[in-house]
Full PDB file with SEQRES, HELIX, SHEET, SSBOND, CRYST1, ORIGX, SCALE, CONECT and MASTER records, all heavy atoms in Angstrom:
SEQRES   1 A   33  ALA GLU VAL GLU TYR GLY ASP HIS THR SER PRO SER ILE          
SEQRES   2 A   33  PHE VAL ARG PHE ALA LEU ASN ASP ALA ALA LEU ALA GLN          
SEQRES   3 A   33  ARG ILE PRO GLY ALA ASP PRO                                  
HELIX    1 AA1 LEU A   24  ARG A   27  1                                   4    
CRYST1    1.000    1.000    1.000  90.00  90.00  90.00 P 1           1          
ORIGX1      1.000000  0.000000  0.000000        0.00000                         
ORIGX2      0.000000  1.000000  0.000000        0.00000                         
ORIGX3      0.000000  0.000000  1.000000        0.00000                         
SCALE1      1.000000  0.000000  0.000000        0.00000                         
SCALE2      0.000000  1.000000  0.000000        0.00000                         
SCALE3      0.000000  0.000000  1.000000        0.00000                         
ATOM      1  N   ALA A   1     -23.244 -11.776   6.802  1.00  0.00           N  
ATOM      2  CA  ALA A   1     -23.877 -10.762   7.704  1.00  0.00           C  
ATOM      3  C   ALA A   1     -22.924 -10.325   8.812  1.00  0.00           C  
ATOM      4  O   ALA A   1     -23.182  -9.339   9.478  1.00  0.00           O  
ATOM      5  CB  ALA A   1     -25.127 -11.374   8.321  1.00  0.00           C  
ATOM      6  N   GLU A   2     -21.789 -11.055   8.965  1.00  0.00           N  
ATOM      7  CA  GLU A   2     -20.847 -10.691  10.045  1.00  0.00           C  
ATOM      8  C   GLU A   2     -19.716  -9.844   9.517  1.00  0.00           C  
ATOM      9  O   GLU A   2     -18.776  -9.550  10.254  1.00  0.00           O  
ATOM     10  CB  GLU A   2     -20.276 -11.954  10.661  1.00  0.00           C  
ATOM     11  CG  GLU A   2     -21.308 -12.823  11.373  1.00  0.00           C  
ATOM     12  CD  GLU A   2     -20.726 -14.107  11.935  1.00  0.00           C  
ATOM     13  OE1 GLU A   2     -20.061 -14.849  11.125  1.00  0.00           O  
ATOM     14  OE2 GLU A   2     -20.922 -14.366  13.102  1.00  0.00           O  
ATOM     15  N   VAL A   3     -19.813  -9.411   8.285  1.00  0.00           N  
ATOM     16  CA  VAL A   3     -18.781  -8.576   7.700  1.00  0.00           C  
ATOM     17  C   VAL A   3     -19.255  -7.115   7.613  1.00  0.00           C  
ATOM     18  O   VAL A   3     -20.369  -6.857   7.158  1.00  0.00           O  
ATOM     19  CB  VAL A   3     -18.397  -9.130   6.268  1.00  0.00           C  
ATOM     20  CG1 VAL A   3     -17.485  -8.184   5.559  1.00  0.00           C  
ATOM     21  CG2 VAL A   3     -17.752 -10.471   6.380  1.00  0.00           C  
ATOM     22  N   GLU A   4     -18.381  -6.233   8.036  1.00  0.00           N  
ATOM     23  CA  GLU A   4     -18.697  -4.820   7.886  1.00  0.00           C  
ATOM     24  C   GLU A   4     -17.667  -4.199   6.952  1.00  0.00           C  
ATOM     25  O   GLU A   4     -16.507  -4.596   6.974  1.00  0.00           O  
ATOM     26  CB  GLU A   4     -18.562  -4.112   9.288  1.00  0.00           C  
ATOM     27  CG  GLU A   4     -19.578  -4.645  10.336  1.00  0.00           C  
ATOM     28  CD  GLU A   4     -19.325  -3.997  11.696  1.00  0.00           C  
ATOM     29  OE1 GLU A   4     -18.277  -3.457  11.919  1.00  0.00           O  
ATOM     30  OE2 GLU A   4     -20.244  -4.064  12.503  1.00  0.00           O  
ATOM     31  N   TYR A   5     -18.085  -3.200   6.169  1.00  0.00           N  
ATOM     32  CA  TYR A   5     -17.189  -2.588   5.257  1.00  0.00           C  
ATOM     33  C   TYR A   5     -16.737  -1.207   5.725  1.00  0.00           C  
ATOM     34  O   TYR A   5     -17.523  -0.433   6.253  1.00  0.00           O  
ATOM     35  CB  TYR A   5     -17.877  -2.458   3.886  1.00  0.00           C  
ATOM     36  CG  TYR A   5     -17.885  -3.771   3.137  1.00  0.00           C  
ATOM     37  CD1 TYR A   5     -18.889  -4.725   3.367  1.00  0.00           C  
ATOM     38  CD2 TYR A   5     -16.881  -4.040   2.167  1.00  0.00           C  
ATOM     39  CE1 TYR A   5     -18.857  -5.939   2.689  1.00  0.00           C  
ATOM     40  CE2 TYR A   5     -16.880  -5.259   1.524  1.00  0.00           C  
ATOM     41  CZ  TYR A   5     -17.851  -6.209   1.755  1.00  0.00           C  
ATOM     42  OH  TYR A   5     -17.881  -7.406   1.144  1.00  0.00           O  
ATOM     43  N   GLY A   6     -15.440  -0.964   5.623  1.00  0.00           N  
ATOM     44  CA  GLY A   6     -14.903   0.323   6.015  1.00  0.00           C  
ATOM     45  C   GLY A   6     -13.682   0.648   5.173  1.00  0.00           C  
ATOM     46  O   GLY A   6     -13.203  -0.153   4.392  1.00  0.00           O  
ATOM     47  N   ASP A   7     -13.219   1.921   5.325  1.00  0.00           N  
ATOM     48  CA  ASP A   7     -12.092   2.361   4.500  1.00  0.00           C  
ATOM     49  C   ASP A   7     -10.827   1.617   4.867  1.00  0.00           C  
ATOM     50  O   ASP A   7     -10.560   1.293   6.033  1.00  0.00           O  
ATOM     51  CB  ASP A   7     -11.885   3.852   4.731  1.00  0.00           C  
ATOM     52  CG  ASP A   7     -13.017   4.682   4.115  1.00  0.00           C  
ATOM     53  OD1 ASP A   7     -13.698   4.166   3.252  1.00  0.00           O  
ATOM     54  OD2 ASP A   7     -13.241   5.835   4.596  1.00  0.00           O  
ATOM     55  N   HIS A   8     -10.050   1.290   3.864  1.00  0.00           N  
ATOM     56  CA  HIS A   8      -8.824   0.551   4.073  1.00  0.00           C  
ATOM     57  C   HIS A   8      -7.824   0.954   2.951  1.00  0.00           C  
ATOM     58  O   HIS A   8      -8.246   1.173   1.840  1.00  0.00           O  
ATOM     59  CB  HIS A   8      -9.075  -0.981   4.037  1.00  0.00           C  
ATOM     60  CG  HIS A   8      -7.842  -1.847   4.313  1.00  0.00           C  
ATOM     61  ND1 HIS A   8      -7.311  -1.933   5.551  1.00  0.00           N  
ATOM     62  CD2 HIS A   8      -7.104  -2.604   3.479  1.00  0.00           C  
ATOM     63  CE1 HIS A   8      -6.268  -2.758   5.479  1.00  0.00           C  
ATOM     64  NE2 HIS A   8      -6.128  -3.163   4.237  1.00  0.00           N  
ATOM     65  N   THR A   9      -6.559   1.053   3.342  1.00  0.00           N  
ATOM     66  CA  THR A   9      -5.518   1.377   2.297  1.00  0.00           C  
ATOM     67  C   THR A   9      -4.769   0.103   1.950  1.00  0.00           C  
ATOM     68  O   THR A   9      -4.246  -0.604   2.830  1.00  0.00           O  
ATOM     69  CB  THR A   9      -4.543   2.386   2.847  1.00  0.00           C  
ATOM     70  OG1 THR A   9      -5.288   3.639   3.195  1.00  0.00           O  
ATOM     71  CG2 THR A   9      -3.491   2.744   1.823  1.00  0.00           C  
ATOM     72  N   SER A  10      -4.762  -0.202   0.672  1.00  0.00           N  
ATOM     73  CA  SER A  10      -4.087  -1.412   0.154  1.00  0.00           C  
ATOM     74  C   SER A  10      -3.016  -1.019  -0.862  1.00  0.00           C  
ATOM     75  O   SER A  10      -3.176  -0.030  -1.541  1.00  0.00           O  
ATOM     76  CB  SER A  10      -5.081  -2.350  -0.483  1.00  0.00           C  
ATOM     77  OG  SER A  10      -6.050  -2.783   0.441  1.00  0.00           O  
ATOM     78  N   PRO A  11      -2.016  -1.889  -1.030  1.00  0.00           N  
ATOM     79  CA  PRO A  11      -1.069  -1.669  -2.143  1.00  0.00           C  
ATOM     80  C   PRO A  11      -1.722  -2.007  -3.487  1.00  0.00           C  
ATOM     81  O   PRO A  11      -2.516  -2.959  -3.551  1.00  0.00           O  
ATOM     82  CB  PRO A  11       0.106  -2.608  -1.829  1.00  0.00           C  
ATOM     83  CG  PRO A  11      -0.547  -3.659  -0.941  1.00  0.00           C  
ATOM     84  CD  PRO A  11      -1.622  -3.040  -0.190  1.00  0.00           C  
ATOM     85  N   SER A  12      -1.447  -1.233  -4.469  1.00  0.00           N  
ATOM     86  CA  SER A  12      -2.000  -1.416  -5.837  1.00  0.00           C  
ATOM     87  C   SER A  12      -0.783  -1.743  -6.731  1.00  0.00           C  
ATOM     88  O   SER A  12       0.064  -0.860  -6.877  1.00  0.00           O  
ATOM     89  CB  SER A  12      -2.775  -0.230  -6.312  1.00  0.00           C  
ATOM     90  OG  SER A  12      -3.059  -0.295  -7.674  1.00  0.00           O  
ATOM     91  N   ILE A  13      -0.720  -2.907  -7.337  1.00  0.00           N  
ATOM     92  CA  ILE A  13       0.483  -3.246  -8.114  1.00  0.00           C  
ATOM     93  C   ILE A  13       0.078  -3.835  -9.486  1.00  0.00           C  
ATOM     94  O   ILE A  13      -0.980  -4.483  -9.627  1.00  0.00           O  
ATOM     95  CB  ILE A  13       1.359  -4.253  -7.404  1.00  0.00           C  
ATOM     96  CG1 ILE A  13       0.616  -5.574  -7.138  1.00  0.00           C  
ATOM     97  CG2 ILE A  13       1.868  -3.696  -6.059  1.00  0.00           C  
ATOM     98  CD1 ILE A  13       1.557  -6.691  -6.622  1.00  0.00           C  
ATOM     99  N   PHE A  14       0.902  -3.511 -10.469  1.00  0.00           N  
ATOM    100  CA  PHE A  14       0.786  -4.062 -11.798  1.00  0.00           C  
ATOM    101  C   PHE A  14       2.005  -5.007 -12.001  1.00  0.00           C  
ATOM    102  O   PHE A  14       3.139  -4.612 -11.774  1.00  0.00           O  
ATOM    103  CB  PHE A  14       0.758  -3.016 -12.881  1.00  0.00           C  
ATOM    104  CG  PHE A  14      -0.495  -2.191 -12.886  1.00  0.00           C  
ATOM    105  CD1 PHE A  14      -0.667  -1.125 -12.026  1.00  0.00           C  
ATOM    106  CD2 PHE A  14      -1.515  -2.541 -13.764  1.00  0.00           C  
ATOM    107  CE1 PHE A  14      -1.818  -0.347 -12.057  1.00  0.00           C  
ATOM    108  CE2 PHE A  14      -2.701  -1.771 -13.797  1.00  0.00           C  
ATOM    109  CZ  PHE A  14      -2.874  -0.698 -12.936  1.00  0.00           C  
ATOM    110  N   VAL A  15       1.705  -6.237 -12.422  1.00  0.00           N  
ATOM    111  CA  VAL A  15       2.758  -7.277 -12.528  1.00  0.00           C  
ATOM    112  C   VAL A  15       2.732  -7.890 -13.887  1.00  0.00           C  
ATOM    113  O   VAL A  15       1.683  -8.105 -14.487  1.00  0.00           O  
ATOM    114  CB  VAL A  15       2.516  -8.345 -11.392  1.00  0.00           C  
ATOM    115  CG1 VAL A  15       3.623  -9.387 -11.479  1.00  0.00           C  
ATOM    116  CG2 VAL A  15       2.424  -7.736 -10.063  1.00  0.00           C  
ATOM    117  N   ARG A  16       3.952  -8.221 -14.384  1.00  0.00           N  
ATOM    118  CA  ARG A  16       3.987  -8.922 -15.689  1.00  0.00           C  
ATOM    119  C   ARG A  16       4.354 -10.414 -15.464  1.00  0.00           C  
ATOM    120  O   ARG A  16       5.171 -10.787 -14.694  1.00  0.00           O  
ATOM    121  CB  ARG A  16       4.998  -8.269 -16.615  1.00  0.00           C  
ATOM    122  CG  ARG A  16       6.460  -8.351 -16.169  1.00  0.00           C  
ATOM    123  CD  ARG A  16       7.355  -7.648 -17.144  1.00  0.00           C  
ATOM    124  NE  ARG A  16       8.795  -7.978 -16.967  1.00  0.00           N  
ATOM    125  CZ  ARG A  16       9.778  -7.503 -17.688  1.00  0.00           C  
ATOM    126  NH1 ARG A  16       9.543  -6.650 -18.674  1.00  0.00           N  
ATOM    127  NH2 ARG A  16      11.006  -7.840 -17.421  1.00  0.00           N  
ATOM    128  N   PHE A  17       3.557 -11.251 -16.189  1.00  0.00           N  
ATOM    129  CA  PHE A  17       3.811 -12.684 -16.188  1.00  0.00           C  
ATOM    130  C   PHE A  17       4.403 -13.047 -17.586  1.00  0.00           C  
ATOM    131  O   PHE A  17       3.824 -12.685 -18.616  1.00  0.00           O  
ATOM    132  CB  PHE A  17       2.496 -13.477 -16.025  1.00  0.00           C  
ATOM    133  CG  PHE A  17       1.936 -13.504 -14.614  1.00  0.00           C  
ATOM    134  CD1 PHE A  17       1.757 -12.330 -13.921  1.00  0.00           C  
ATOM    135  CD2 PHE A  17       1.551 -14.712 -14.050  1.00  0.00           C  
ATOM    136  CE1 PHE A  17       1.219 -12.371 -12.639  1.00  0.00           C  
ATOM    137  CE2 PHE A  17       1.031 -14.761 -12.790  1.00  0.00           C  
ATOM    138  CZ  PHE A  17       0.869 -13.610 -12.049  1.00  0.00           C  
ATOM    139  N   ALA A  18       5.544 -13.715 -17.598  1.00  0.00           N  
ATOM    140  CA  ALA A  18       6.163 -14.132 -18.846  1.00  0.00           C  
ATOM    141  C   ALA A  18       5.176 -14.985 -19.639  1.00  0.00           C  
ATOM    142  O   ALA A  18       4.587 -15.943 -19.120  1.00  0.00           O  
ATOM    143  CB  ALA A  18       7.455 -14.872 -18.612  1.00  0.00           C  
ATOM    144  N   LEU A  19       5.010 -14.652 -20.922  1.00  0.00           N  
ATOM    145  CA  LEU A  19       4.101 -15.416 -21.804  1.00  0.00           C  
ATOM    146  C   LEU A  19       4.916 -16.004 -22.930  1.00  0.00           C  
ATOM    147  O   LEU A  19       4.748 -15.696 -24.141  1.00  0.00           O  
ATOM    148  CB  LEU A  19       3.003 -14.447 -22.370  1.00  0.00           C  
ATOM    149  CG  LEU A  19       1.839 -15.052 -23.153  1.00  0.00           C  
ATOM    150  CD1 LEU A  19       1.117 -16.100 -22.303  1.00  0.00           C  
ATOM    151  CD2 LEU A  19       0.910 -13.940 -23.578  1.00  0.00           C  
ATOM    152  N   ASN A  20       5.824 -16.934 -22.495  1.00  0.00           N  
ATOM    153  CA  ASN A  20       6.778 -17.503 -23.486  1.00  0.00           C  
ATOM    154  C   ASN A  20       6.261 -18.796 -24.116  1.00  0.00           C  
ATOM    155  O   ASN A  20       6.915 -19.790 -24.223  1.00  0.00           O  
ATOM    156  CB  ASN A  20       8.114 -17.750 -22.821  1.00  0.00           C  
ATOM    157  CG  ASN A  20       7.987 -18.571 -21.524  1.00  0.00           C  
ATOM    158  OD1 ASN A  20       6.898 -19.007 -21.177  1.00  0.00           O  
ATOM    159  ND2 ASN A  20       9.097 -18.721 -20.808  1.00  0.00           N  
ATOM    160  N   ASP A  21       4.967 -18.790 -24.432  1.00  0.00           N  
ATOM    161  CA  ASP A  21       4.328 -19.927 -25.080  1.00  0.00           C  
ATOM    162  C   ASP A  21       4.483 -19.794 -26.583  1.00  0.00           C  
ATOM    163  O   ASP A  21       4.030 -18.772 -27.152  1.00  0.00           O  
ATOM    164  CB  ASP A  21       2.854 -19.982 -24.670  1.00  0.00           C  
ATOM    165  CG  ASP A  21       2.158 -21.254 -25.130  1.00  0.00           C  
ATOM    166  OD1 ASP A  21       2.618 -21.854 -26.131  1.00  0.00           O  
ATOM    167  OD2 ASP A  21       1.148 -21.628 -24.561  1.00  0.00           O  
ATOM    168  N   ALA A  22       5.056 -20.753 -27.249  1.00  0.00           N  
ATOM    169  CA  ALA A  22       5.283 -20.698 -28.681  1.00  0.00           C  
ATOM    170  C   ALA A  22       3.978 -20.503 -29.464  1.00  0.00           C  
ATOM    171  O   ALA A  22       4.009 -19.913 -30.557  1.00  0.00           O  
ATOM    172  CB  ALA A  22       5.991 -21.929 -29.167  1.00  0.00           C  
ATOM    173  N   ALA A  23       2.864 -20.971 -28.859  1.00  0.00           N  
ATOM    174  CA  ALA A  23       1.604 -20.848 -29.588  1.00  0.00           C  
ATOM    175  C   ALA A  23       1.115 -19.411 -29.694  1.00  0.00           C  
ATOM    176  O   ALA A  23       0.224 -19.086 -30.412  1.00  0.00           O  
ATOM    177  CB  ALA A  23       0.534 -21.678 -28.875  1.00  0.00           C  
ATOM    178  N   LEU A  24       1.721 -18.479 -28.890  1.00  0.00           N  
ATOM    179  CA  LEU A  24       1.337 -17.095 -28.980  1.00  0.00           C  
ATOM    180  C   LEU A  24       1.512 -16.520 -30.361  1.00  0.00           C  
ATOM    181  O   LEU A  24       0.678 -15.767 -30.867  1.00  0.00           O  
ATOM    182  CB  LEU A  24       2.108 -16.250 -27.933  1.00  0.00           C  
ATOM    183  CG  LEU A  24       1.916 -14.745 -27.951  1.00  0.00           C  
ATOM    184  CD1 LEU A  24       0.464 -14.382 -27.637  1.00  0.00           C  
ATOM    185  CD2 LEU A  24       2.872 -14.038 -27.009  1.00  0.00           C  
ATOM    186  N   ALA A  25       2.587 -16.911 -31.017  1.00  0.00           N  
ATOM    187  CA  ALA A  25       2.888 -16.393 -32.356  1.00  0.00           C  
ATOM    188  C   ALA A  25       1.866 -16.884 -33.350  1.00  0.00           C  
ATOM    189  O   ALA A  25       1.664 -16.266 -34.384  1.00  0.00           O  
ATOM    190  CB  ALA A  25       4.287 -16.817 -32.777  1.00  0.00           C  
ATOM    191  N   GLN A  26       1.242 -18.006 -33.084  1.00  0.00           N  
ATOM    192  CA  GLN A  26       0.229 -18.543 -33.948  1.00  0.00           C  
ATOM    193  C   GLN A  26      -1.099 -17.779 -33.764  1.00  0.00           C  
ATOM    194  O   GLN A  26      -1.892 -17.609 -34.724  1.00  0.00           O  
ATOM    195  CB  GLN A  26      -0.028 -20.017 -33.694  1.00  0.00           C  
ATOM    196  CG  GLN A  26       1.246 -20.896 -33.951  1.00  0.00           C  
ATOM    197  CD  GLN A  26       1.042 -22.327 -33.476  1.00  0.00           C  
ATOM    198  OE1 GLN A  26      -0.076 -22.729 -33.100  1.00  0.00           O  
ATOM    199  NE2 GLN A  26       2.137 -23.066 -33.420  1.00  0.00           N  
ATOM    200  N   ARG A  27      -1.356 -17.339 -32.549  1.00  0.00           N  
ATOM    201  CA  ARG A  27      -2.614 -16.624 -32.296  1.00  0.00           C  
ATOM    202  C   ARG A  27      -2.475 -15.140 -32.711  1.00  0.00           C  
ATOM    203  O   ARG A  27      -3.436 -14.527 -33.156  1.00  0.00           O  
ATOM    204  CB  ARG A  27      -2.925 -16.700 -30.808  1.00  0.00           C  
ATOM    205  CG  ARG A  27      -2.794 -18.076 -30.151  1.00  0.00           C  
ATOM    206  CD  ARG A  27      -3.992 -18.977 -30.460  1.00  0.00           C  
ATOM    207  NE  ARG A  27      -3.799 -20.301 -29.833  1.00  0.00           N  
ATOM    208  CZ  ARG A  27      -4.218 -20.601 -28.619  1.00  0.00           C  
ATOM    209  NH1 ARG A  27      -4.874 -19.747 -27.901  1.00  0.00           N  
ATOM    210  NH2 ARG A  27      -3.980 -21.820 -28.155  1.00  0.00           N  
ATOM    211  N   ILE A  28      -1.276 -14.552 -32.488  1.00  0.00           N  
ATOM    212  CA  ILE A  28      -1.053 -13.169 -32.844  1.00  0.00           C  
ATOM    213  C   ILE A  28       0.222 -13.100 -33.724  1.00  0.00           C  
ATOM    214  O   ILE A  28       1.331 -13.157 -33.137  1.00  0.00           O  
ATOM    215  CB  ILE A  28      -0.906 -12.242 -31.626  1.00  0.00           C  
ATOM    216  CG1 ILE A  28      -2.154 -12.329 -30.722  1.00  0.00           C  
ATOM    217  CG2 ILE A  28      -0.642 -10.791 -32.031  1.00  0.00           C  
ATOM    218  CD1 ILE A  28      -2.057 -11.484 -29.469  1.00  0.00           C  
ATOM    219  N   PRO A  29       0.112 -13.037 -35.020  1.00  0.00           N  
ATOM    220  CA  PRO A  29       1.294 -12.971 -35.871  1.00  0.00           C  
ATOM    221  C   PRO A  29       2.194 -11.780 -35.508  1.00  0.00           C  
ATOM    222  O   PRO A  29       1.631 -10.680 -35.249  1.00  0.00           O  
ATOM    223  CB  PRO A  29       0.672 -12.822 -37.288  1.00  0.00           C  
ATOM    224  CG  PRO A  29      -0.636 -13.409 -37.146  1.00  0.00           C  
ATOM    225  CD  PRO A  29      -1.116 -13.147 -35.815  1.00  0.00           C  
ATOM    226  N   GLY A  30       3.479 -11.977 -35.462  1.00  0.00           N  
ATOM    227  CA  GLY A  30       4.405 -10.921 -35.048  1.00  0.00           C  
ATOM    228  C   GLY A  30       4.792 -10.971 -33.627  1.00  0.00           C  
ATOM    229  O   GLY A  30       5.683 -10.290 -33.173  1.00  0.00           O  
ATOM    230  N   ALA A  31       4.107 -11.818 -32.805  1.00  0.00           N  
ATOM    231  CA  ALA A  31       4.463 -11.988 -31.420  1.00  0.00           C  
ATOM    232  C   ALA A  31       5.787 -12.683 -31.278  1.00  0.00           C  
ATOM    233  O   ALA A  31       6.144 -13.589 -32.059  1.00  0.00           O  
ATOM    234  CB  ALA A  31       3.371 -12.740 -30.692  1.00  0.00           C  
ATOM    235  N   ASP A  32       6.514 -12.301 -30.255  1.00  0.00           N  
ATOM    236  CA  ASP A  32       7.788 -12.935 -29.919  1.00  0.00           C  
ATOM    237  C   ASP A  32       7.727 -13.473 -28.524  1.00  0.00           C  
ATOM    238  O   ASP A  32       7.872 -12.762 -27.525  1.00  0.00           O  
ATOM    239  CB  ASP A  32       8.964 -11.871 -30.037  1.00  0.00           C  
ATOM    240  CG  ASP A  32      10.302 -12.572 -29.763  1.00  0.00           C  
ATOM    241  OD1 ASP A  32      10.378 -13.741 -29.401  1.00  0.00           O  
ATOM    242  OD2 ASP A  32      11.336 -11.861 -29.889  1.00  0.00           O  
ATOM    243  N   PRO A  33       7.397 -14.769 -28.366  1.00  0.00           N  
ATOM    244  CA  PRO A  33       7.220 -15.367 -27.061  1.00  0.00           C  
ATOM    245  C   PRO A  33       8.439 -15.178 -26.119  1.00  0.00           C  
ATOM    246  O   PRO A  33       8.239 -15.219 -24.901  1.00  0.00           O  
ATOM    247  CB  PRO A  33       6.942 -16.817 -27.329  1.00  0.00           C  
ATOM    248  CG  PRO A  33       6.395 -16.840 -28.738  1.00  0.00           C  
ATOM    249  CD  PRO A  33       7.094 -15.727 -29.433  1.00  0.00           C  
TER     250      PRO A  33                                                      
MASTER        0    0    0    1    0    0    0    6  249    1    0    3          
END                                                                             
């Protein structure tokens, strides 16, 4: 109840996380971890 909402400008970012798990190729054939 103590929070008020108002306009705010924030950075919007897309980030990649390395997915170098060998099991990925077992879940999706053709994947290169």
